[in-house]
């Protein structure tokens, strides 16, 4: 995976996240999604996608001799930041 591209994605997503948290607060991001079925669908889709990513991350970390737990915890707390940083800090 191209680490420069990962870095750009991480910085752009980080900027968007900072702006959203400053405007709505950490809890506010989720409260907005809980106001409609469309928002709940987005949260469910995100949960399914991140769950699949965590399965991949666990297996990949085990195969490459890395500790998966810091990345799992980060993913559960901060979403896509966990997998992005996992890929960015890998040896590949």
PDB file of N, CA and C in Angstrom:
ATOM      1  N   UNK A   1       0.851  -1.174   0.000  1.00  0.00           N
ATOM      2  CA  UNK A   1       0.000   0.000   0.000  1.00  0.00           C
ATOM      3  C   UNK A   1       0.900   1.241   0.000  1.00  0.00           C
ATOM      4  N   UNK A   2       0.510   2.223  -0.750  1.00  0.00           N
ATOM      5  CA  UNK A   2       1.273   3.460  -0.857  1.00  0.00           C
ATOM      6  C   UNK A   2       1.142   4.270   0.435  1.00  0.00           C
ATOM      7  N   UNK A   3       2.242   4.387   1.169  1.00  0.00           N
ATOM      8  CA  UNK A   3       2.198   5.082   2.463  1.00  0.00           C
ATOM      9  C   UNK A   3       1.947   6.576   2.316  1.00  0.00           C
ATOM     10  N   UNK A   4       2.391   7.175   1.207  1.00  0.00           N
ATOM     11  CA  UNK A   4       2.123   8.597   0.982  1.00  0.00           C
ATOM     12  C   UNK A   4       0.619   8.833   0.848  1.00  0.00           C
ATOM     13  N   UNK A   5      -0.046   7.961   0.103  1.00  0.00           N
ATOM     14  CA  UNK A   5      -1.496   8.071  -0.048  1.00  0.00           C
ATOM     15  C   UNK A   5      -2.198   7.858   1.289  1.00  0.00           C
ATOM     16  N   UNK A   6      -1.747   6.877   2.048  1.00  0.00           N
ATOM     17  CA  UNK A   6      -2.311   6.651   3.383  1.00  0.00           C
ATOM     18  C   UNK A   6      -2.141   7.873   4.265  1.00  0.00           C
ATOM     19  N   UNK A   7      -0.974   8.507   4.183  1.00  0.00           N
ATOM     20  CA  UNK A   7      -0.729   9.707   4.971  1.00  0.00           C
ATOM     21  C   UNK A   7      -1.665  10.840   4.592  1.00  0.00           C
ATOM     22  N   UNK A   8      -1.902  11.015   3.291  1.00  0.00           N
ATOM     23  CA  UNK A   8      -2.822  12.060   2.827  1.00  0.00           C
ATOM     24  C   UNK A   8      -4.237  11.778   3.322  1.00  0.00           C
ATOM     25  N   UNK A   9      -4.673  10.520   3.200  1.00  0.00           N
ATOM     26  CA  UNK A   9      -6.011  10.138   3.671  1.00  0.00           C
ATOM     27  C   UNK A   9      -6.125  10.368   5.174  1.00  0.00           C
ATOM     28  N   UNK A  10      -5.104   9.978   5.919  1.00  0.00           N
ATOM     29  CA  UNK A  10      -5.120  10.155   7.374  1.00  0.00           C
ATOM     30  C   UNK A  10      -5.188  11.631   7.749  1.00  0.00           C
ATOM     31  N   UNK A  11      -4.405  12.467   7.093  1.00  0.00           N
ATOM     32  CA  UNK A  11      -4.434  13.904   7.390  1.00  0.00           C
ATOM     33  C   UNK A  11      -5.772  14.538   7.029  1.00  0.00           C
ATOM     34  N   UNK A  12      -6.311  14.196   5.867  1.00  0.00           N
ATOM     35  CA  UNK A  12      -7.601  14.755   5.451  1.00  0.00           C
ATOM     36  C   UNK A  12      -8.718  14.300   6.392  1.00  0.00           C
ATOM     37  N   UNK A  13      -8.738  13.019   6.699  1.00  0.00           N
ATOM     38  CA  UNK A  13      -9.753  12.490   7.609  1.00  0.00           C
ATOM     39  C   UNK A  13      -9.578  13.069   9.006  1.00  0.00           C
ATOM     40  N   UNK A  14      -8.341  13.224   9.429  1.00  0.00           N
ATOM     41  CA  UNK A  14      -8.078  13.831  10.731  1.00  0.00           C
ATOM     42  C   UNK A  14      -8.580  15.261  10.800  1.00  0.00           C
ATOM     43  N   UNK A  15      -8.356  16.029   9.741  1.00  0.00           N
ATOM     44  CA  UNK A  15      -8.860  17.405   9.697  1.00  0.00           C
ATOM     45  C   UNK A  15     -10.371  17.455   9.748  1.00  0.00           C
ATOM     46  N   UNK A  16     -11.021  16.594   8.988  1.00  0.00           N
ATOM     47  CA  UNK A  16     -12.484  16.534   9.005  1.00  0.00           C
ATOM     48  C   UNK A  16     -12.993  16.140  10.386  1.00  0.00           C
ATOM     49  N   UNK A  17     -12.331  15.188  11.009  1.00  0.00           N
ATOM     50  CA  UNK A  17     -12.739  14.730  12.337  1.00  0.00           C
ATOM     51  C   UNK A  17     -12.576  15.836  13.377  1.00  0.00           C
ATOM     52  N   UNK A  18     -11.460  16.538  13.337  1.00  0.00           N
ATOM     53  CA  UNK A  18     -11.237  17.647  14.279  1.00  0.00           C
ATOM     54  C   UNK A  18     -12.324  18.706  14.106  1.00  0.00           C
ATOM     55  N   UNK A  19     -12.634  19.062  12.870  1.00  0.00           N
ATOM     56  CA  UNK A  19     -13.671  20.070  12.617  1.00  0.00           C
ATOM     57  C   UNK A  19     -15.031  19.600  13.142  1.00  0.00           C
ATOM     58  N   UNK A  20     -15.361  18.318  12.903  1.00  0.00           N
ATOM     59  CA  UNK A  20     -16.644  17.783  13.363  1.00  0.00           C
ATOM     60  C   UNK A  20     -16.728  17.745  14.884  1.00  0.00           C
ATOM     61  N   UNK A  21     -15.641  17.328  15.534  1.00  0.00           N
ATOM     62  CA  UNK A  21     -15.637  17.258  17.004  1.00  0.00           C
ATOM     63  C   UNK A  21     -15.702  18.665  17.597  1.00  0.00           C
ATOM     64  N   UNK A  22     -15.001  19.613  17.004  1.00  0.00           N
ATOM     65  CA  UNK A  22     -15.072  20.990  17.507  1.00  0.00           C
ATOM     66  C   UNK A  22     -16.472  21.571  17.368  1.00  0.00           C
ATOM     67  N   UNK A  23     -17.140  21.233  16.282  1.00  0.00           N
ATOM     68  CA  UNK A  23     -18.477  21.774  16.050  1.00  0.00           C
ATOM     69  C   UNK A  23     -19.558  21.045  16.849  1.00  0.00           C
ATOM     70  N   UNK A  24     -19.446  19.708  16.975  1.00  0.00           N
ATOM     71  CA  UNK A  24     -20.526  18.926  17.575  1.00  0.00           C
ATOM     72  C   UNK A  24     -20.140  18.188  18.852  1.00  0.00           C
ATOM     73  N   UNK A  25     -18.848  18.062  19.155  1.00  0.00           N
ATOM     74  CA  UNK A  25     -18.397  17.269  20.287  1.00  0.00           C
ATOM     75  C   UNK A  25     -18.331  15.797  19.906  1.00  0.00           C
ATOM     76  N   UNK A  26     -17.560  15.018  20.659  1.00  0.00           N
ATOM     77  CA  UNK A  26     -17.383  13.592  20.349  1.00  0.00           C
ATOM     78  C   UNK A  26     -18.718  12.857  20.393  1.00  0.00           C
ATOM     79  N   UNK A  27     -19.487  13.087  21.444  1.00  0.00           N
ATOM     80  CA  UNK A  27     -20.789  12.416  21.579  1.00  0.00           C
ATOM     81  C   UNK A  27     -21.764  12.947  20.535  1.00  0.00           C
ATOM     82  N   UNK A  28     -21.653  14.225  20.203  1.00  0.00           N
ATOM     83  CA  UNK A  28     -22.554  14.836  19.232  1.00  0.00           C
ATOM     84  C   UNK A  28     -22.497  14.198  17.859  1.00  0.00           C
ATOM     85  N   UNK A  29     -21.339  13.680  17.488  1.00  0.00           N
ATOM     86  CA  UNK A  29     -21.222  13.002  16.199  1.00  0.00           C
ATOM     87  C   UNK A  29     -22.168  11.803  16.150  1.00  0.00           C
ATOM     88  N   UNK A  30     -22.254  11.073  17.239  1.00  0.00           N
ATOM     89  CA  UNK A  30     -23.121   9.904  17.286  1.00  0.00           C
ATOM     90  C   UNK A  30     -24.586  10.293  17.484  1.00  0.00           C
ATOM     91  N   UNK A  31     -24.837  11.332  18.268  1.00  0.00           N
ATOM     92  CA  UNK A  31     -26.211  11.768  18.494  1.00  0.00           C
ATOM     93  C   UNK A  31     -26.889  12.151  17.185  1.00  0.00           C
ATOM     94  N   UNK A  32     -26.161  12.797  16.309  1.00  0.00           N
ATOM     95  CA  UNK A  32     -26.707  13.181  15.012  1.00  0.00           C
ATOM     96  C   UNK A  32     -27.151  11.955  14.228  1.00  0.00           C
ATOM     97  N   UNK A  33     -26.363  10.892  14.270  1.00  0.00           N
ATOM     98  CA  UNK A  33     -26.687   9.683  13.524  1.00  0.00           C
ATOM     99  C   UNK A  33     -27.872   8.928  14.127  1.00  0.00           C
ATOM    100  N   UNK A  34     -28.147   9.154  15.394  1.00  0.00           N
ATOM    101  CA  UNK A  34     -29.228   8.437  16.068  1.00  0.00           C
ATOM    102  C   UNK A  34     -30.591   9.101  15.871  1.00  0.00           C
ATOM    103  N   UNK A  35     -30.664  10.181  15.111  1.00  0.00           N
ATOM    104  CA  UNK A  35     -31.907  10.928  14.950  1.00  0.00           C
ATOM    105  C   UNK A  35     -32.826  10.397  13.860  1.00  0.00           C
ATOM    106  N   UNK A  36     -32.346   9.485  13.020  1.00  0.00           N
ATOM    107  CA  UNK A  36     -33.192   8.970  11.946  1.00  0.00           C
ATOM    108  C   UNK A  36     -32.759   7.551  11.573  1.00  0.00           C
ATOM    109  N   UNK A  37     -33.632   6.873  10.842  1.00  0.00           N
ATOM    110  CA  UNK A  37     -33.280   5.541  10.365  1.00  0.00           C
ATOM    111  C   UNK A  37     -32.117   5.608   9.383  1.00  0.00           C
ATOM    112  N   UNK A  38     -32.030   6.674   8.612  1.00  0.00           N
ATOM    113  CA  UNK A  38     -30.906   6.828   7.681  1.00  0.00           C
ATOM    114  C   UNK A  38     -29.596   6.919   8.457  1.00  0.00           C
ATOM    115  N   UNK A  39     -29.588   7.668   9.538  1.00  0.00           N
ATOM    116  CA  UNK A  39     -28.394   7.774  10.372  1.00  0.00           C
ATOM    117  C   UNK A  39     -28.040   6.457  11.026  1.00  0.00           C
ATOM    118  N   UNK A  40     -29.055   5.733  11.496  1.00  0.00           N
ATOM    119  CA  UNK A  40     -28.813   4.416  12.094  1.00  0.00           C
ATOM    120  C   UNK A  40     -28.242   3.446  11.062  1.00  0.00           C
ATOM    121  N   UNK A  41     -28.719   3.553   9.809  1.00  0.00           N
ATOM    122  CA  UNK A  41     -28.201   2.689   8.759  1.00  0.00           C
ATOM    123  C   UNK A  41     -26.724   2.972   8.530  1.00  0.00           C
ATOM    124  N   UNK A  42     -26.335   4.249   8.543  1.00  0.00           N
ATOM    125  CA  UNK A  42     -24.930   4.617   8.360  1.00  0.00           C
ATOM    126  C   UNK A  42     -24.086   4.063   9.512  1.00  0.00           C
ATOM    127  N   UNK A  43     -24.575   4.185  10.742  1.00  0.00           N
ATOM    128  CA  UNK A  43     -23.841   3.645  11.889  1.00  0.00           C
ATOM    129  C   UNK A  43     -23.721   2.123  11.809  1.00  0.00           C
ATOM    130  N   UNK A  44     -24.810   1.460  11.413  1.00  0.00           N
ATOM    131  CA  UNK A  44     -24.760  -0.002  11.285  1.00  0.00           C
ATOM    132  C   UNK A  44     -23.762  -0.406  10.201  1.00  0.00           C
ATOM    133  N   UNK A  45     -23.772   0.290   9.086  1.00  0.00           N
ATOM    134  CA  UNK A  45     -22.834  -0.002   8.004  1.00  0.00           C
ATOM    135  C   UNK A  45     -21.394   0.211   8.462  1.00  0.00           C
ATOM    136  N   UNK A  46     -21.151   1.297   9.178  1.00  0.00           N
ATOM    137  CA  UNK A  46     -19.812   1.568   9.715  1.00  0.00           C
ATOM    138  C   UNK A  46     -19.386   0.471  10.689  1.00  0.00           C
ATOM    139  N   UNK A  47     -20.308   0.043  11.545  1.00  0.00           N
ATOM    140  CA  UNK A  47     -19.995  -1.020  12.502  1.00  0.00           C
ATOM    141  C   UNK A  47     -19.657  -2.330  11.814  1.00  0.00           C
ATOM    142  N   UNK A  48     -20.419  -2.675  10.776  1.00  0.00           N
ATOM    143  CA  UNK A  48     -20.148  -3.907  10.029  1.00  0.00           C
ATOM    144  C   UNK A  48     -18.799  -3.809   9.331  1.00  0.00           C
ATOM    145  N   UNK A  49     -18.544  -2.683   8.658  1.00  0.00           N
ATOM    146  CA  UNK A  49     -17.289  -2.509   7.927  1.00  0.00           C
ATOM    147  C   UNK A  49     -16.087  -2.555   8.872  1.00  0.00           C
ATOM    148  N   UNK A  50     -16.171  -1.845   9.992  1.00  0.00           N
ATOM    149  CA  UNK A  50     -15.049  -1.856  10.930  1.00  0.00           C
ATOM    150  C   UNK A  50     -14.884  -3.221  11.588  1.00  0.00           C
ATOM    151  N   UNK A  51     -15.980  -3.939  11.783  1.00  0.00           N
ATOM    152  CA  UNK A  51     -15.877  -5.299  12.305  1.00  0.00           C
ATOM    153  C   UNK A  51     -15.107  -6.199  11.351  1.00  0.00           C
ATOM    154  N   UNK A  52     -15.402  -6.094  10.071  1.00  0.00           N
ATOM    155  CA  UNK A  52     -14.667  -6.871   9.067  1.00  0.00           C
ATOM    156  C   UNK A  52     -13.201  -6.462   9.025  1.00  0.00           C
ATOM    157  N   UNK A  53     -12.936  -5.167   9.126  1.00  0.00           N
ATOM    158  CA  UNK A  53     -11.552  -4.682   9.140  1.00  0.00           C
ATOM    159  C   UNK A  53     -10.817  -5.209  10.367  1.00  0.00           C
ATOM    160  N   UNK A  54     -11.493  -5.262  11.512  1.00  0.00           N
ATOM    161  CA  UNK A  54     -10.839  -5.771  12.722  1.00  0.00           C
ATOM    162  C   UNK A  54     -10.478  -7.249  12.598  1.00  0.00           C
ATOM    163  N   UNK A  55     -11.334  -8.028  11.929  1.00  0.00           N
ATOM    164  CA  UNK A  55     -11.004  -9.437  11.701  1.00  0.00           C
ATOM    165  C   UNK A  55      -9.747  -9.521  10.841  1.00  0.00           C
ATOM    166  N   UNK A  56      -9.699  -8.743   9.764  1.00  0.00           N
ATOM    167  CA  UNK A  56      -8.510  -8.730   8.912  1.00  0.00           C
ATOM    168  C   UNK A  56      -7.279  -8.267   9.698  1.00  0.00           C
ATOM    169  N   UNK A  57      -7.439  -7.179  10.461  1.00  0.00           N
ATOM    170  CA  UNK A  57      -6.318  -6.616  11.213  1.00  0.00           C
ATOM    171  C   UNK A  57      -5.766  -7.648  12.196  1.00  0.00           C
ATOM    172  N   UNK A  58      -6.644  -8.343  12.904  1.00  0.00           N
ATOM    173  CA  UNK A  58      -6.231  -9.365  13.869  1.00  0.00           C
ATOM    174  C   UNK A  58      -5.394 -10.438  13.185  1.00  0.00           C
ATOM    175  N   UNK A  59      -5.898 -10.931  12.061  1.00  0.00           N
ATOM    176  CA  UNK A  59      -5.184 -11.991  11.336  1.00  0.00           C
ATOM    177  C   UNK A  59      -3.863 -11.489  10.766  1.00  0.00           C
ATOM    178  N   UNK A  60      -3.882 -10.285  10.192  1.00  0.00           N
ATOM    179  CA  UNK A  60      -2.665  -9.736   9.610  1.00  0.00           C
ATOM    180  C   UNK A  60      -1.609  -9.490  10.682  1.00  0.00           C
ATOM    181  N   UNK A  61      -2.020  -8.960  11.816  1.00  0.00           N
ATOM    182  CA  UNK A  61      -1.072  -8.705  12.911  1.00  0.00           C
ATOM    183  C   UNK A  61      -0.462 -10.009  13.399  1.00  0.00           C
ATOM    184  N   UNK A  62      -1.274 -11.039  13.526  1.00  0.00           N
ATOM    185  CA  UNK A  62      -0.777 -12.335  13.975  1.00  0.00           C
ATOM    186  C   UNK A  62       0.240 -12.910  12.983  1.00  0.00           C
ATOM    187  N   UNK A  63      -0.051 -12.803  11.693  1.00  0.00           N
ATOM    188  CA  UNK A  63       0.856 -13.321  10.668  1.00  0.00           C
ATOM    189  C   UNK A  63       2.168 -12.539  10.593  1.00  0.00           C
ATOM    190  N   UNK A  64       2.102 -11.242  10.890  1.00  0.00           N
ATOM    191  CA  UNK A  64       3.307 -10.411  10.778  1.00  0.00           C
ATOM    192  C   UNK A  64       4.023 -10.226  12.117  1.00  0.00           C
ATOM    193  N   UNK A  65       3.526 -10.861  13.189  1.00  0.00           N
ATOM    194  CA  UNK A  65       4.187 -10.782  14.479  1.00  0.00           C
ATOM    195  C   UNK A  65       3.955  -9.474  15.219  1.00  0.00           C
ATOM    196  N   UNK A  66       2.896  -8.772  14.866  1.00  0.00           N
ATOM    197  CA  UNK A  66       2.578  -7.515  15.544  1.00  0.00           C
ATOM    198  C   UNK A  66       1.506  -7.740  16.598  1.00  0.00           C
ATOM    199  N   UNK A  67       1.468  -6.866  17.594  1.00  0.00           N
ATOM    200  CA  UNK A  67       0.437  -6.909  18.623  1.00  0.00           C
ATOM    201  C   UNK A  67      -0.797  -6.181  18.092  1.00  0.00           C
ATOM    202  N   UNK A  68      -1.902  -6.886  17.961  1.00  0.00           N
ATOM    203  CA  UNK A  68      -3.117  -6.301  17.394  1.00  0.00           C
ATOM    204  C   UNK A  68      -3.887  -5.434  18.381  1.00  0.00           C
ATOM    205  N   UNK A  69      -3.701  -5.668  19.685  1.00  0.00           N
ATOM    206  CA  UNK A  69      -4.562  -5.007  20.673  1.00  0.00           C
ATOM    207  C   UNK A  69      -4.539  -3.482  20.649  1.00  0.00           C
ATOM    208  N   UNK A  70      -3.395  -2.827  20.517  1.00  0.00           N
ATOM    209  CA  UNK A  70      -3.449  -1.354  20.465  1.00  0.00           C
ATOM    210  C   UNK A  70      -4.297  -0.847  19.297  1.00  0.00           C
ATOM    211  N   UNK A  71      -4.226  -1.544  18.177  1.00  0.00           N
ATOM    212  CA  UNK A  71      -4.970  -1.120  16.989  1.00  0.00           C
ATOM    213  C   UNK A  71      -6.456  -1.427  17.129  1.00  0.00           C
ATOM    214  N   UNK A  72      -6.769  -2.522  17.794  1.00  0.00           N
ATOM    215  CA  UNK A  72      -8.172  -2.862  18.036  1.00  0.00           C
ATOM    216  C   UNK A  72      -8.802  -1.830  18.961  1.00  0.00           C
ATOM    217  N   UNK A  73      -8.112  -1.507  20.050  1.00  0.00           N
ATOM    218  CA  UNK A  73      -8.630  -0.509  20.997  1.00  0.00           C
ATOM    219  C   UNK A  73      -8.794   0.850  20.306  1.00  0.00           C
ATOM    220  N   UNK A  74      -7.790   1.240  19.531  1.00  0.00           N
ATOM    221  CA  UNK A  74      -7.873   2.523  18.823  1.00  0.00           C
ATOM    222  C   UNK A  74      -9.037   2.530  17.833  1.00  0.00           C
ATOM    223  N   UNK A  75      -9.253   1.424  17.145  1.00  0.00           N
ATOM    224  CA  UNK A  75     -10.363   1.338  16.197  1.00  0.00           C
ATOM    225  C   UNK A  75     -11.700   1.443  16.917  1.00  0.00           C
ATOM    226  N   UNK A  76     -11.829   0.773  18.048  1.00  0.00           N
ATOM    227  CA  UNK A  76     -13.083   0.842  18.804  1.00  0.00           C
ATOM    228  C   UNK A  76     -13.337   2.242  19.361  1.00  0.00           C
ATOM    229  N   UNK A  77     -12.272   2.972  19.689  1.00  0.00           N
ATOM    230  CA  UNK A  77     -12.415   4.315  20.255  1.00  0.00           C
ATOM    231  C   UNK A  77     -12.495   5.403  19.189  1.00  0.00           C
ATOM    232  N   UNK A  78     -11.788   5.204  18.068  1.00  0.00           N
ATOM    233  CA  UNK A  78     -11.661   6.301  17.103  1.00  0.00           C
ATOM    234  C   UNK A  78     -11.915   5.870  15.660  1.00  0.00           C
ATOM    235  N   UNK A  79     -12.552   4.739  15.468  1.00  0.00           N
ATOM    236  CA  UNK A  79     -12.932   4.331  14.120  1.00  0.00           C
ATOM    237  C   UNK A  79     -11.762   4.072  13.198  1.00  0.00           C
ATOM    238  N   UNK A  80     -11.830   4.623  12.020  1.00  0.00           N
ATOM    239  CA  UNK A  80     -10.875   4.344  10.948  1.00  0.00           C
ATOM    240  C   UNK A  80      -9.444   4.762  11.251  1.00  0.00           C
ATOM    241  N   UNK A  81      -9.236   5.566  12.280  1.00  0.00           N
ATOM    242  CA  UNK A  81      -7.866   5.945  12.631  1.00  0.00           C
ATOM    243  C   UNK A  81      -7.025   4.716  12.984  1.00  0.00           C
ATOM    244  N   UNK A  82      -7.628   3.720  13.619  1.00  0.00           N
ATOM    245  CA  UNK A  82      -6.894   2.517  13.994  1.00  0.00           C
ATOM    246  C   UNK A  82      -6.332   1.782  12.792  1.00  0.00           C
ATOM    247  N   UNK A  83      -7.188   1.375  11.836  1.00  0.00           N
ATOM    248  CA  UNK A  83      -6.664   0.672  10.664  1.00  0.00           C
ATOM    249  C   UNK A  83      -5.724   1.534   9.813  1.00  0.00           C
ATOM    250  N   UNK A  84      -6.022   2.817   9.676  1.00  0.00           N
ATOM    251  CA  UNK A  84      -5.137   3.690   8.891  1.00  0.00           C
ATOM    252  C   UNK A  84      -3.741   3.744   9.502  1.00  0.00           C
ATOM    253  N   UNK A  85      -3.677   3.918  10.814  1.00  0.00           N
ATOM    254  CA  UNK A  85      -2.371   3.977  11.473  1.00  0.00           C
ATOM    255  C   UNK A  85      -1.680   2.618  11.472  1.00  0.00           C
ATOM    256  N   UNK A  86      -2.451   1.548  11.584  1.00  0.00           N
ATOM    257  CA  UNK A  86      -1.880   0.212  11.497  1.00  0.00           C
ATOM    258  C   UNK A  86      -1.176   0.018  10.154  1.00  0.00           C
ATOM    259  N   UNK A  87      -1.863   0.380   9.086  1.00  0.00           N
ATOM    260  CA  UNK A  87      -1.263   0.253   7.752  1.00  0.00           C
ATOM    261  C   UNK A  87      -0.079   1.190   7.571  1.00  0.00           C
ATOM    262  N   UNK A  88      -0.175   2.386   8.105  1.00  0.00           N
ATOM    263  CA  UNK A  88       0.890   3.385   7.944  1.00  0.00           C
ATOM    264  C   UNK A  88       2.140   2.983   8.698  1.00  0.00           C
ATOM    265  N   UNK A  89       2.006   2.278   9.812  1.00  0.00           N
ATOM    266  CA  UNK A  89       3.168   1.920  10.625  1.00  0.00           C
ATOM    267  C   UNK A  89       3.696   0.523  10.320  1.00  0.00           C
ATOM    268  N   UNK A  90       3.088  -0.167   9.385  1.00  0.00           N
ATOM    269  CA  UNK A  90       3.547  -1.505   9.017  1.00  0.00           C
ATOM    270  C   UNK A  90       4.849  -1.456   8.226  1.00  0.00           C
ATOM    271  N   UNK A  91       5.510  -2.597   8.124  1.00  0.00           N
ATOM    272  CA  UNK A  91       6.793  -2.680   7.430  1.00  0.00           C
ATOM    273  C   UNK A  91       6.639  -2.754   5.917  1.00  0.00           C
ATOM    274  N   UNK A  92       5.473  -3.082   5.443  1.00  0.00           N
ATOM    275  CA  UNK A  92       5.254  -3.247   3.998  1.00  0.00           C
ATOM    276  C   UNK A  92       5.247  -1.920   3.285  1.00  0.00           C
TER     277      UNK A  92
END
